Amino acid sequence: MDRQTKTIQLVGTESGAVKFDLSAFSVNGKTPTKFMILGAKWVCHGGGVHVFFDRSSPLTAMVLSGVGEWREPKIVDSGSGGTGDIQFSSLAGPTGVAPGYMIEMSVQAVV
């Protein structure tokens, strides 16, 4: 498998939650070294979401809030070290508002 589209729900506070595990992918029998984000749709209530590649220094891919959709240009992981997984962390919103997030994201693993 080299591509995957997944619907992700986050409720409450999460930090560094792995949502796309690079080690679970294969590209023509080869081990991929990075991900490319092909697109995303999201609804964020009561805060936002930090989407990042797990590298020696975490590499921000996207910061999501409100309602949106994104397709171009593709976001390619340019970091090194770490696992290369795509992780999500919730961002604080207004006091007293329970955070909730629904994100549909398409990714492709790259050798």
PDB file of N, CA and C in Angstrom:
ATOM      1  N   MET A   1       0.841  -1.171   0.000  1.00  0.00           N
ATOM      2  CA  MET A   1       0.000   0.000   0.000  1.00  0.00           C
ATOM      3  C   MET A   1       0.888   1.235   0.000  1.00  0.00           C
ATOM      4  N   ASP A   2       0.630   2.148  -0.937  1.00  0.00           N
ATOM      5  CA  ASP A   2       1.414   3.382  -0.944  1.00  0.00           C
ATOM      6  C   ASP A   2       0.544   4.618  -0.756  1.00  0.00           C
ATOM      7  N   ARG A   3      -0.798   4.472  -0.832  1.00  0.00           N
ATOM      8  CA  ARG A   3      -1.713   5.594  -0.619  1.00  0.00           C
ATOM      9  C   ARG A   3      -2.790   5.195   0.373  1.00  0.00           C
ATOM     10  N   GLN A   4      -3.268   6.189   1.113  1.00  0.00           N
ATOM     11  CA  GLN A   4      -4.339   5.927   2.052  1.00  0.00           C
ATOM     12  C   GLN A   4      -5.115   7.206   2.299  1.00  0.00           C
ATOM     13  N   THR A   5      -6.443   7.069   2.376  1.00  0.00           N
ATOM     14  CA  THR A   5      -7.311   8.156   2.806  1.00  0.00           C
ATOM     15  C   THR A   5      -7.982   7.680   4.078  1.00  0.00           C
ATOM     16  N   LYS A   6      -7.954   8.532   5.085  1.00  0.00           N
ATOM     17  CA  LYS A   6      -8.465   8.141   6.389  1.00  0.00           C
ATOM     18  C   LYS A   6      -9.256   9.298   6.973  1.00  0.00           C
ATOM     19  N   THR A   7     -10.370   8.956   7.650  1.00  0.00           N
ATOM     20  CA  THR A   7     -11.127   9.943   8.405  1.00  0.00           C
ATOM     21  C   THR A   7     -10.702   9.833   9.858  1.00  0.00           C
ATOM     22  N   ILE A   8     -10.308  10.940  10.427  1.00  0.00           N
ATOM     23  CA  ILE A   8      -9.741  10.976  11.773  1.00  0.00           C
ATOM     24  C   ILE A   8     -10.641  11.823  12.653  1.00  0.00           C
ATOM     25  N   GLN A   9     -10.994  11.285  13.808  1.00  0.00           N
ATOM     26  CA  GLN A   9     -11.758  12.035  14.791  1.00  0.00           C
ATOM     27  C   GLN A   9     -10.894  12.227  16.023  1.00  0.00           C
ATOM     28  N   LEU A  10     -10.829  13.453  16.491  1.00  0.00           N
ATOM     29  CA  LEU A  10     -10.134  13.766  17.731  1.00  0.00           C
ATOM     30  C   LEU A  10     -11.161  14.392  18.664  1.00  0.00           C
ATOM     31  N   VAL A  11     -11.188  13.923  19.897  1.00  0.00           N
ATOM     32  CA  VAL A  11     -12.077  14.491  20.886  1.00  0.00           C
ATOM     33  C   VAL A  11     -11.238  14.825  22.108  1.00  0.00           C
ATOM     34  N   GLY A  12     -11.303  16.051  22.550  1.00  0.00           N
ATOM     35  CA  GLY A  12     -10.513  16.453  23.707  1.00  0.00           C
ATOM     36  C   GLY A  12      -9.090  16.773  23.305  1.00  0.00           C
ATOM     37  N   THR A  13      -8.181  16.623  24.248  1.00  0.00           N
ATOM     38  CA  THR A  13      -6.791  16.992  24.044  1.00  0.00           C
ATOM     39  C   THR A  13      -5.965  15.780  23.629  1.00  0.00           C
ATOM     40  N   GLU A  14      -5.227  15.914  22.538  1.00  0.00           N
ATOM     41  CA  GLU A  14      -4.288  14.888  22.098  1.00  0.00           C
ATOM     42  C   GLU A  14      -2.970  15.572  21.791  1.00  0.00           C
ATOM     43  N   SER A  15      -1.890  14.836  22.003  1.00  0.00           N
ATOM     44  CA  SER A  15      -0.563  15.393  21.735  1.00  0.00           C
ATOM     45  C   SER A  15       0.298  14.340  21.059  1.00  0.00           C
ATOM     46  N   GLY A  16       0.700  14.611  19.832  1.00  0.00           N
ATOM     47  CA  GLY A  16       1.574  13.696  19.109  1.00  0.00           C
ATOM     48  C   GLY A  16       0.927  12.367  18.770  1.00  0.00           C
ATOM     49  N   ALA A  17      -0.385  12.354  18.550  1.00  0.00           N
ATOM     50  CA  ALA A  17      -1.090  11.116  18.210  1.00  0.00           C
ATOM     51  C   ALA A  17      -0.721  10.689  16.793  1.00  0.00           C
ATOM     52  N   VAL A  18      -0.188   9.475  16.646  1.00  0.00           N
ATOM     53  CA  VAL A  18       0.202   8.960  15.328  1.00  0.00           C
ATOM     54  C   VAL A  18      -1.060   8.570  14.572  1.00  0.00           C
ATOM     55  N   LYS A  19      -1.277   9.189  13.424  1.00  0.00           N
ATOM     56  CA  LYS A  19      -2.460   8.904  12.606  1.00  0.00           C
ATOM     57  C   LYS A  19      -2.094   8.220  11.291  1.00  0.00           C
ATOM     58  N   PHE A  20      -0.858   8.392  10.824  1.00  0.00           N
ATOM     59  CA  PHE A  20      -0.360   7.686   9.654  1.00  0.00           C
ATOM     60  C   PHE A  20       1.029   7.158  10.012  1.00  0.00           C
ATOM     61  N   ASP A  21       1.166   5.843  10.099  1.00  0.00           N
ATOM     62  CA  ASP A  21       2.407   5.178  10.514  1.00  0.00           C
ATOM     63  C   ASP A  21       3.189   4.770   9.266  1.00  0.00           C
ATOM     64  N   LEU A  22       4.313   5.415   9.022  1.00  0.00           N
ATOM     65  CA  LEU A  22       5.106   5.170   7.811  1.00  0.00           C
ATOM     66  C   LEU A  22       5.537   3.713   7.689  1.00  0.00           C
ATOM     67  N   SER A  23       5.809   3.056   8.812  1.00  0.00           N
ATOM     68  CA  SER A  23       6.281   1.662   8.763  1.00  0.00           C
ATOM     69  C   SER A  23       5.199   0.694   8.281  1.00  0.00           C
ATOM     70  N   ALA A  24       3.943   1.132   8.224  1.00  0.00           N
ATOM     71  CA  ALA A  24       2.845   0.281   7.757  1.00  0.00           C
ATOM     72  C   ALA A  24       2.669   0.358   6.236  1.00  0.00           C
ATOM     73  N   PHE A  25       3.467   1.169   5.562  1.00  0.00           N
ATOM     74  CA  PHE A  25       3.354   1.371   4.121  1.00  0.00           C
ATOM     75  C   PHE A  25       4.487   0.678   3.376  1.00  0.00           C
ATOM     76  N   SER A  26       4.235   0.391   2.097  1.00  0.00           N
ATOM     77  CA  SER A  26       5.246  -0.173   1.203  1.00  0.00           C
ATOM     78  C   SER A  26       5.019   0.421  -0.181  1.00  0.00           C
ATOM     79  N   VAL A  27       6.105   0.661  -0.905  1.00  0.00           N
ATOM     80  CA  VAL A  27       6.012   1.208  -2.255  1.00  0.00           C
ATOM     81  C   VAL A  27       6.731   0.244  -3.192  1.00  0.00           C
ATOM     82  N   ASN A  28       5.951  -0.535  -3.941  1.00  0.00           N
ATOM     83  CA  ASN A  28       6.522  -1.533  -4.858  1.00  0.00           C
ATOM     84  C   ASN A  28       7.547  -2.426  -4.158  1.00  0.00           C
ATOM     85  N   GLY A  29       7.212  -2.870  -2.949  1.00  0.00           N
ATOM     86  CA  GLY A  29       8.093  -3.759  -2.193  1.00  0.00           C
ATOM     87  C   GLY A  29       9.243  -3.060  -1.487  1.00  0.00           C
ATOM     88  N   LYS A  30       9.344  -1.762  -1.617  1.00  0.00           N
ATOM     89  CA  LYS A  30      10.428  -1.003  -0.971  1.00  0.00           C
ATOM     90  C   LYS A  30       9.899  -0.277   0.257  1.00  0.00           C
ATOM     91  N   THR A  31      10.792   0.003   1.186  1.00  0.00           N
ATOM     92  CA  THR A  31      10.439   0.730   2.406  1.00  0.00           C
ATOM     93  C   THR A  31      10.428   2.228   2.125  1.00  0.00           C
ATOM     94  N   PRO A  32       9.286   2.884   2.348  1.00  0.00           N
ATOM     95  CA  PRO A  32       9.227   4.327   2.103  1.00  0.00           C
ATOM     96  C   PRO A  32      10.007   5.103   3.154  1.00  0.00           C
ATOM     97  N   THR A  33      10.422   6.302   2.779  1.00  0.00           N
ATOM     98  CA  THR A  33      11.207   7.145   3.688  1.00  0.00           C
ATOM     99  C   THR A  33      10.461   8.398   4.130  1.00  0.00           C
ATOM    100  N   LYS A  34       9.345   8.697   3.454  1.00  0.00           N
ATOM    101  CA  LYS A  34       8.606   9.912   3.804  1.00  0.00           C
ATOM    102  C   LYS A  34       7.190   9.837   3.261  1.00  0.00           C
ATOM    103  N   PHE A  35       6.368  10.762   3.737  1.00  0.00           N
ATOM    104  CA  PHE A  35       4.999  10.913   3.270  1.00  0.00           C
ATOM    105  C   PHE A  35       4.857  12.186   2.448  1.00  0.00           C
ATOM    106  N   MET A  36       3.832  12.172   1.606  1.00  0.00           N
ATOM    107  CA  MET A  36       3.389  13.349   0.888  1.00  0.00           C
ATOM    108  C   MET A  36       1.888  13.470   1.191  1.00  0.00           C
ATOM    109  N   ILE A  37       1.447  14.628   1.658  1.00  0.00           N
ATOM    110  CA  ILE A  37       0.030  14.862   1.914  1.00  0.00           C
ATOM    111  C   ILE A  37      -0.602  15.357   0.619  1.00  0.00           C
ATOM    112  N   LEU A  38      -1.616  14.602   0.145  1.00  0.00           N
ATOM    113  CA  LEU A  38      -2.250  14.896  -1.132  1.00  0.00           C
ATOM    114  C   LEU A  38      -3.443  15.835  -0.998  1.00  0.00           C
ATOM    115  N   GLY A  39      -4.092  15.829   0.164  1.00  0.00           N
ATOM    116  CA  GLY A  39      -5.247  16.693   0.366  1.00  0.00           C
ATOM    117  C   GLY A  39      -5.875  16.458   1.724  1.00  0.00           C
ATOM    118  N   ALA A  40      -6.739  17.383   2.118  1.00  0.00           N
ATOM    119  CA  ALA A  40      -7.419  17.266   3.408  1.00  0.00           C
ATOM    120  C   ALA A  40      -8.699  18.084   3.400  1.00  0.00           C
ATOM    121  N   LYS A  41      -9.676  17.608   4.181  1.00  0.00           N
ATOM    122  CA  LYS A  41     -10.910  18.340   4.491  1.00  0.00           C
ATOM    123  C   LYS A  41     -11.032  18.283   5.996  1.00  0.00           C
ATOM    124  N   TRP A  42     -11.528  19.345   6.633  1.00  0.00           N
ATOM    125  CA  TRP A  42     -11.606  19.324   8.083  1.00  0.00           C
ATOM    126  C   TRP A  42     -12.722  20.206   8.618  1.00  0.00           C
ATOM    127  N   VAL A  43     -13.151  19.839   9.830  1.00  0.00           N
ATOM    128  CA  VAL A  43     -14.048  20.636  10.655  1.00  0.00           C
ATOM    129  C   VAL A  43     -13.445  20.600  12.048  1.00  0.00           C
ATOM    130  N   CYS A  44     -13.083  21.752  12.573  1.00  0.00           N
ATOM    131  CA  CYS A  44     -12.490  21.856  13.911  1.00  0.00           C
ATOM    132  C   CYS A  44     -13.394  22.754  14.754  1.00  0.00           C
ATOM    133  N   HIS A  45     -13.791  22.244  15.893  1.00  0.00           N
ATOM    134  CA  HIS A  45     -14.661  22.991  16.802  1.00  0.00           C
ATOM    135  C   HIS A  45     -13.953  23.146  18.143  1.00  0.00           C
ATOM    136  N   GLY A  46     -13.871  24.351  18.626  1.00  0.00           N
ATOM    137  CA  GLY A  46     -13.293  24.576  19.945  1.00  0.00           C
ATOM    138  C   GLY A  46     -11.784  24.519  19.983  1.00  0.00           C
ATOM    139  N   GLY A  47     -11.133  24.820  18.882  1.00  0.00           N
ATOM    140  CA  GLY A  47      -9.670  24.810  18.833  1.00  0.00           C
ATOM    141  C   GLY A  47      -9.194  24.444  17.444  1.00  0.00           C
ATOM    142  N   GLY A  48      -7.952  24.031  17.346  1.00  0.00           N
ATOM    143  CA  GLY A  48      -7.372  23.665  16.064  1.00  0.00           C
ATOM    144  C   GLY A  48      -6.550  22.402  16.193  1.00  0.00           C
ATOM    145  N   VAL A  49      -5.895  22.034  15.104  1.00  0.00           N
ATOM    146  CA  VAL A  49      -5.063  20.829  15.074  1.00  0.00           C
ATOM    147  C   VAL A  49      -3.740  21.145  14.391  1.00  0.00           C
ATOM    148  N   HIS A  50      -2.654  20.762  15.044  1.00  0.00           N
ATOM    149  CA  HIS A  50      -1.304  20.871  14.488  1.00  0.00           C
ATOM    150  C   HIS A  50      -0.978  19.504  13.868  1.00  0.00           C
ATOM    151  N   VAL A  51      -0.750  19.478  12.554  1.00  0.00           N
ATOM    152  CA  VAL A  51      -0.396  18.255  11.838  1.00  0.00           C
ATOM    153  C   VAL A  51       1.084  18.353  11.508  1.00  0.00           C
ATOM    154  N   PHE A  52       1.854  17.322  11.884  1.00  0.00           N
ATOM    155  CA  PHE A  52       3.295  17.412  11.671  1.00  0.00           C
ATOM    156  C   PHE A  52       3.919  16.058  11.370  1.00  0.00           C
ATOM    157  N   PHE A  53       5.079  16.132  10.704  1.00  0.00           N
ATOM    158  CA  PHE A  53       5.881  14.945  10.433  1.00  0.00           C
ATOM    159  C   PHE A  53       6.806  14.732  11.628  1.00  0.00           C
ATOM    160  N   ASP A  54       6.861  13.481  12.121  1.00  0.00           N
ATOM    161  CA  ASP A  54       7.729  13.159  13.256  1.00  0.00           C
ATOM    162  C   ASP A  54       9.167  13.027  12.748  1.00  0.00           C
ATOM    163  N   ARG A  55       9.943  14.052  12.956  1.00  0.00           N
ATOM    164  CA  ARG A  55      11.350  14.092  12.556  1.00  0.00           C
ATOM    165  C   ARG A  55      12.202  14.481  13.753  1.00  0.00           C
ATOM    166  N   SER A  56      13.530  14.515  13.593  1.00  0.00           N
ATOM    167  CA  SER A  56      14.418  14.909  14.691  1.00  0.00           C
ATOM    168  C   SER A  56      13.924  16.196  15.324  1.00  0.00           C
ATOM    169  N   SER A  57      13.533  17.135  14.488  1.00  0.00           N
ATOM    170  CA  SER A  57      12.807  18.329  14.920  1.00  0.00           C
ATOM    171  C   SER A  57      11.464  18.251  14.214  1.00  0.00           C
ATOM    172  N   PRO A  58      10.348  18.153  14.968  1.00  0.00           N
ATOM    173  CA  PRO A  58       9.037  18.027  14.325  1.00  0.00           C
ATOM    174  C   PRO A  58       8.853  19.074  13.222  1.00  0.00           C
ATOM    175  N   LEU A  59       8.358  18.627  12.077  1.00  0.00           N
ATOM    176  CA  LEU A  59       8.209  19.476  10.901  1.00  0.00           C
ATOM    177  C   LEU A  59       6.722  19.721  10.642  1.00  0.00           C
ATOM    178  N   THR A  60       6.286  20.966  10.844  1.00  0.00           N
ATOM    179  CA  THR A  60       4.876  21.309  10.666  1.00  0.00           C
ATOM    180  C   THR A  60       4.463  21.111   9.214  1.00  0.00           C
ATOM    181  N   ALA A  61       3.355  20.381   9.032  1.00  0.00           N
ATOM    182  CA  ALA A  61       2.780  20.202   7.702  1.00  0.00           C
ATOM    183  C   ALA A  61       1.603  21.157   7.508  1.00  0.00           C
ATOM    184  N   MET A  62       0.709  21.205   8.512  1.00  0.00           N
ATOM    185  CA  MET A  62      -0.489  22.037   8.430  1.00  0.00           C
ATOM    186  C   MET A  62      -0.926  22.429   9.836  1.00  0.00           C
ATOM    187  N   VAL A  63      -1.589  23.564   9.936  1.00  0.00           N
ATOM    188  CA  VAL A  63      -2.285  23.955  11.157  1.00  0.00           C
ATOM    189  C   VAL A  63      -3.728  24.221  10.729  1.00  0.00           C
ATOM    190  N   LEU A  64      -4.652  23.420  11.263  1.00  0.00           N
ATOM    191  CA  LEU A  64      -6.041  23.458  10.829  1.00  0.00           C
ATOM    192  C   LEU A  64      -6.919  24.125  11.879  1.00  0.00           C
ATOM    193  N   SER A  65      -7.911  24.888  11.423  1.00  0.00           N
ATOM    194  CA  SER A  65      -8.920  25.454  12.317  1.00  0.00           C
ATOM    195  C   SER A  65     -10.162  25.734  11.483  1.00  0.00           C
ATOM    196  N   GLY A  66     -11.296  25.845  12.162  1.00  0.00           N
ATOM    197  CA  GLY A  66     -12.544  26.138  11.458  1.00  0.00           C
ATOM    198  C   GLY A  66     -12.929  25.010  10.517  1.00  0.00           C
ATOM    199  N   VAL A  67     -13.449  25.367   9.350  1.00  0.00           N
ATOM    200  CA  VAL A  67     -13.868  24.413   8.331  1.00  0.00           C
ATOM    201  C   VAL A  67     -13.067  24.712   7.074  1.00  0.00           C
ATOM    202  N   GLY A  68     -12.517  23.673   6.441  1.00  0.00           N
ATOM    203  CA  GLY A  68     -11.729  23.943   5.242  1.00  0.00           C
ATOM    204  C   GLY A  68     -11.455  22.723   4.400  1.00  0.00           C
ATOM    205  N   GLU A  69     -10.897  22.988   3.241  1.00  0.00           N
ATOM    206  CA  GLU A  69     -10.483  21.938   2.305  1.00  0.00           C
ATOM    207  C   GLU A  69      -9.225  22.426   1.603  1.00  0.00           C
ATOM    208  N   TRP A  70      -8.296  21.502   1.389  1.00  0.00           N
ATOM    209  CA  TRP A  70      -7.032  21.852   0.763  1.00  0.00           C
ATOM    210  C   TRP A  70      -6.609  20.718  -0.178  1.00  0.00           C
ATOM    211  N   ARG A  71      -6.135  21.050  -1.382  1.00  0.00           N
ATOM    212  CA  ARG A  71      -5.703  20.038  -2.356  1.00  0.00           C
ATOM    213  C   ARG A  71      -4.329  20.317  -2.970  1.00  0.00           C
ATOM    214  N   GLU A  72      -3.984  21.525  -3.239  1.00  0.00           N
ATOM    215  CA  GLU A  72      -2.732  21.818  -3.938  1.00  0.00           C
ATOM    216  C   GLU A  72      -2.014  22.969  -3.266  1.00  0.00           C
ATOM    217  N   PRO A  73      -0.705  23.026  -3.295  1.00  0.00           N
ATOM    218  CA  PRO A  73       0.213  21.990  -3.766  1.00  0.00           C
ATOM    219  C   PRO A  73       0.346  20.881  -2.727  1.00  0.00           C
ATOM    220  N   LYS A  74       0.851  19.746  -3.157  1.00  0.00           N
ATOM    221  CA  LYS A  74       1.081  18.642  -2.238  1.00  0.00           C
ATOM    222  C   LYS A  74       2.134  19.054  -1.213  1.00  0.00           C
ATOM    223  N   ILE A  75       2.003  18.538   0.008  1.00  0.00           N
ATOM    224  CA  ILE A  75       2.974  18.846   1.063  1.00  0.00           C
ATOM    225  C   ILE A  75       3.896  17.647   1.206  1.00  0.00           C
ATOM    226  N   VAL A  76       5.169  17.841   0.913  1.00  0.00           N
ATOM    227  CA  VAL A  76       6.151  16.757   0.960  1.00  0.00           C
ATOM    228  C   VAL A  76       7.027  16.921   2.194  1.00  0.00           C
ATOM    229  N   ASP A  77       7.195  15.825   2.935  1.00  0.00           N
ATOM    230  CA  ASP A  77       8.065  15.800   4.115  1.00  0.00           C
ATOM    231  C   ASP A  77       9.501  16.015   3.662  1.00  0.00           C
ATOM    232  N   SER A  78      10.133  17.083   4.155  1.00  0.00           N
ATOM    233  CA  SER A  78      11.524  17.379   3.773  1.00  0.00           C
ATOM    234  C   SER A  78      12.485  17.186   4.944  1.00  0.00           C
ATOM    235  N   GLY A  79      11.996  16.574   6.033  1.00  0.00           N
ATOM    236  CA  GLY A  79      12.833  16.397   7.224  1.00  0.00           C
ATOM    237  C   GLY A  79      13.655  15.124   7.196  1.00  0.00           C
ATOM    238  N   SER A  80      14.398  14.914   8.286  1.00  0.00           N
ATOM    239  CA  SER A  80      15.194  13.688   8.430  1.00  0.00           C
ATOM    240  C   SER A  80      15.189  13.264   9.893  1.00  0.00           C
ATOM    241  N   GLY A  81      15.575  12.016  10.139  1.00  0.00           N
ATOM    242  CA  GLY A  81      15.550  11.477  11.497  1.00  0.00           C
ATOM    243  C   GLY A  81      14.124  11.189  11.920  1.00  0.00           C
ATOM    244  N   GLY A  82      13.939  10.725  13.127  1.00  0.00           N
ATOM    245  CA  GLY A  82      12.605  10.412  13.632  1.00  0.00           C
ATOM    246  C   GLY A  82      11.970   9.281  12.847  1.00  0.00           C
ATOM    247  N   THR A  83      10.665   9.110  12.993  1.00  0.00           N
ATOM    248  CA  THR A  83       9.956   7.997  12.343  1.00  0.00           C
ATOM    249  C   THR A  83       9.379   8.360  10.982  1.00  0.00           C
ATOM    250  N   GLY A  84       9.131   9.645  10.742  1.00  0.00           N
ATOM    251  CA  GLY A  84       8.473  10.068   9.507  1.00  0.00           C
ATOM    252  C   GLY A  84       6.963   9.947   9.564  1.00  0.00           C
ATOM    253  N   ASP A  85       6.422   9.439  10.690  1.00  0.00           N
ATOM    254  CA  ASP A  85       4.974   9.318  10.844  1.00  0.00           C
ATOM    255  C   ASP A  85       4.313  10.691  10.778  1.00  0.00           C
ATOM    256  N   ILE A  86       3.016  10.703  10.437  1.00  0.00           N
ATOM    257  CA  ILE A  86       2.247  11.935  10.510  1.00  0.00           C
ATOM    258  C   ILE A  86       1.491  11.911  11.827  1.00  0.00           C
ATOM    259  N   GLN A  87       1.703  12.955  12.635  1.00  0.00           N
ATOM    260  CA  GLN A  87       1.103  13.038  13.957  1.00  0.00           C
ATOM    261  C   GLN A  87       0.207  14.265  14.068  1.00  0.00           C
ATOM    262  N   PHE A  88      -0.723  14.188  15.014  1.00  0.00           N
ATOM    263  CA  PHE A  88      -1.681  15.269  15.243  1.00  0.00           C
ATOM    264  C   PHE A  88      -1.645  15.666  16.713  1.00  0.00           C
ATOM    265  N   SER A  89      -1.695  16.963  16.977  1.00  0.00           N
ATOM    266  CA  SER A  89      -1.856  17.490  18.332  1.00  0.00           C
ATOM    267  C   SER A  89      -2.960  18.537  18.307  1.00  0.00           C
ATOM    268  N   SER A  90      -3.854  18.461  19.289  1.00  0.00           N
ATOM    269  CA  SER A  90      -4.920  19.458  19.366  1.00  0.00           C
ATOM    270  C   SER A  90      -4.367  20.760  19.936  1.00  0.00           C
ATOM    271  N   LEU A  91      -4.932  21.865  19.487  1.00  0.00           N
ATOM    272  CA  LEU A  91      -4.532  23.195  19.944  1.00  0.00           C
ATOM    273  C   LEU A  91      -5.662  23.791  20.773  1.00  0.00           C
ATOM    274  N   ALA A  92      -5.317  24.509  21.808  1.00  0.00           N
ATOM    275  CA  ALA A  92      -6.298  25.075  22.734  1.00  0.00           C
ATOM    276  C   ALA A  92      -7.238  26.037  22.031  1.00  0.00           C
ATOM    277  N   GLY A  93      -8.482  25.978  22.445  1.00  0.00           N
ATOM    278  CA  GLY A  93      -9.497  26.898  21.948  1.00  0.00           C
ATOM    279  C   GLY A  93     -10.022  27.736  23.097  1.00  0.00           C
ATOM    280  N   PRO A  94     -11.188  28.309  22.936  1.00  0.00           N
ATOM    281  CA  PRO A  94     -11.770  29.146  23.980  1.00  0.00           C
ATOM    282  C   PRO A  94     -12.048  28.345  25.263  1.00  0.00           C
ATOM    283  N   THR A  95     -11.891  28.964  26.389  1.00  0.00           N
ATOM    284  CA  THR A  95     -12.170  28.334  27.671  1.00  0.00           C
ATOM    285  C   THR A  95     -13.637  27.922  27.741  1.00  0.00           C
ATOM    286  N   GLY A  96     -13.874  26.705  28.201  1.00  0.00           N
ATOM    287  CA  GLY A  96     -15.241  26.216  28.373  1.00  0.00           C
ATOM    288  C   GLY A  96     -15.855  25.607  27.134  1.00  0.00           C
ATOM    289  N   VAL A  97     -15.119  25.569  26.013  1.00  0.00           N
ATOM    290  CA  VAL A  97     -15.636  24.966  24.782  1.00  0.00           C
ATOM    291  C   VAL A  97     -14.942  23.624  24.585  1.00  0.00           C
ATOM    292  N   ALA A  98     -15.736  22.557  24.530  1.00  0.00           N
ATOM    293  CA  ALA A  98     -15.163  21.216  24.352  1.00  0.00           C
ATOM    294  C   ALA A  98     -14.656  21.069  22.918  1.00  0.00           C
ATOM    295  N   PRO A  99     -13.362  20.748  22.739  1.00  0.00           N
ATOM    296  CA  PRO A  99     -12.826  20.610  21.388  1.00  0.00           C
ATOM    297  C   PRO A  99     -13.261  19.310  20.726  1.00  0.00           C
ATOM    298  N   GLY A 100     -13.447  19.380  19.432  1.00  0.00           N
ATOM    299  CA  GLY A 100     -13.759  18.210  18.626  1.00  0.00           C
ATOM    300  C   GLY A 100     -13.302  18.462  17.198  1.00  0.00           C
ATOM    301  N   TYR A 101     -12.814  17.417  16.542  1.00  0.00           N
ATOM    302  CA  TYR A 101     -12.242  17.582  15.209  1.00  0.00           C
ATOM    303  C   TYR A 101     -12.606  16.392  14.332  1.00  0.00           C
ATOM    304  N   MET A 102     -12.885  16.655  13.058  1.00  0.00           N
ATOM    305  CA  MET A 102     -13.109  15.605  12.060  1.00  0.00           C
ATOM    306  C   MET A 102     -12.255  15.991  10.873  1.00  0.00           C
ATOM    307  N   ILE A 103     -11.324  15.120  10.513  1.00  0.00           N
ATOM    308  CA  ILE A 103     -10.379  15.417   9.438  1.00  0.00           C
ATOM    309  C   ILE A 103     -10.325  14.231   8.490  1.00  0.00           C
ATOM    310  N   GLU A 104     -10.482  14.492   7.199  1.00  0.00           N
ATOM    311  CA  GLU A 104     -10.273  13.462   6.179  1.00  0.00           C
ATOM    312  C   GLU A 104      -8.992  13.844   5.454  1.00  0.00           C
ATOM    313  N   MET A 105      -8.010  12.957   5.456  1.00  0.00           N
ATOM    314  CA  MET A 105      -6.717  13.267   4.859  1.00  0.00           C
ATOM    315  C   MET A 105      -6.280  12.143   3.938  1.00  0.00           C
ATOM    316  N   SER A 106      -5.711  12.503   2.798  1.00  0.00           N
ATOM    317  CA  SER A 106      -5.146  11.551   1.852  1.00  0.00           C
ATOM    318  C   SER A 106      -3.641  11.726   1.821  1.00  0.00           C
ATOM    319  N   VAL A 107      -2.923  10.601   1.939  1.00  0.00           N
ATOM    320  CA  VAL A 107      -1.457  10.648   1.937  1.00  0.00           C
ATOM    321  C   VAL A 107      -0.905   9.611   0.967  1.00  0.00           C
ATOM    322  N   GLN A 108       0.331   9.806   0.583  1.00  0.00           N
ATOM    323  CA  GLN A 108       1.058   8.846  -0.234  1.00  0.00           C
ATOM    324  C   GLN A 108       2.439   8.667   0.347  1.00  0.00           C
ATOM    325  N   ALA A 109       2.876   7.424   0.486  1.00  0.00           N
ATOM    326  CA  ALA A 109       4.229   7.136   0.931  1.00  0.00           C
ATOM    327  C   ALA A 109       5.180   7.217  -0.258  1.00  0.00           C
ATOM    328  N   VAL A 110       6.394   7.701  -0.019  1.00  0.00           N
ATOM    329  CA  VAL A 110       7.372   7.934  -1.077  1.00  0.00           C
ATOM    330  C   VAL A 110       8.701   7.297  -0.692  1.00  0.00           C
ATOM    331  N   VAL A 111       9.347   6.669  -1.667  1.00  0.00           N
ATOM    332  CA  VAL A 111      10.671   6.075  -1.437  1.00  0.00           C
ATOM    333  C   VAL A 111      11.733   7.131  -1.634  1.00  0.00           C
TER     334      VAL A 111
END
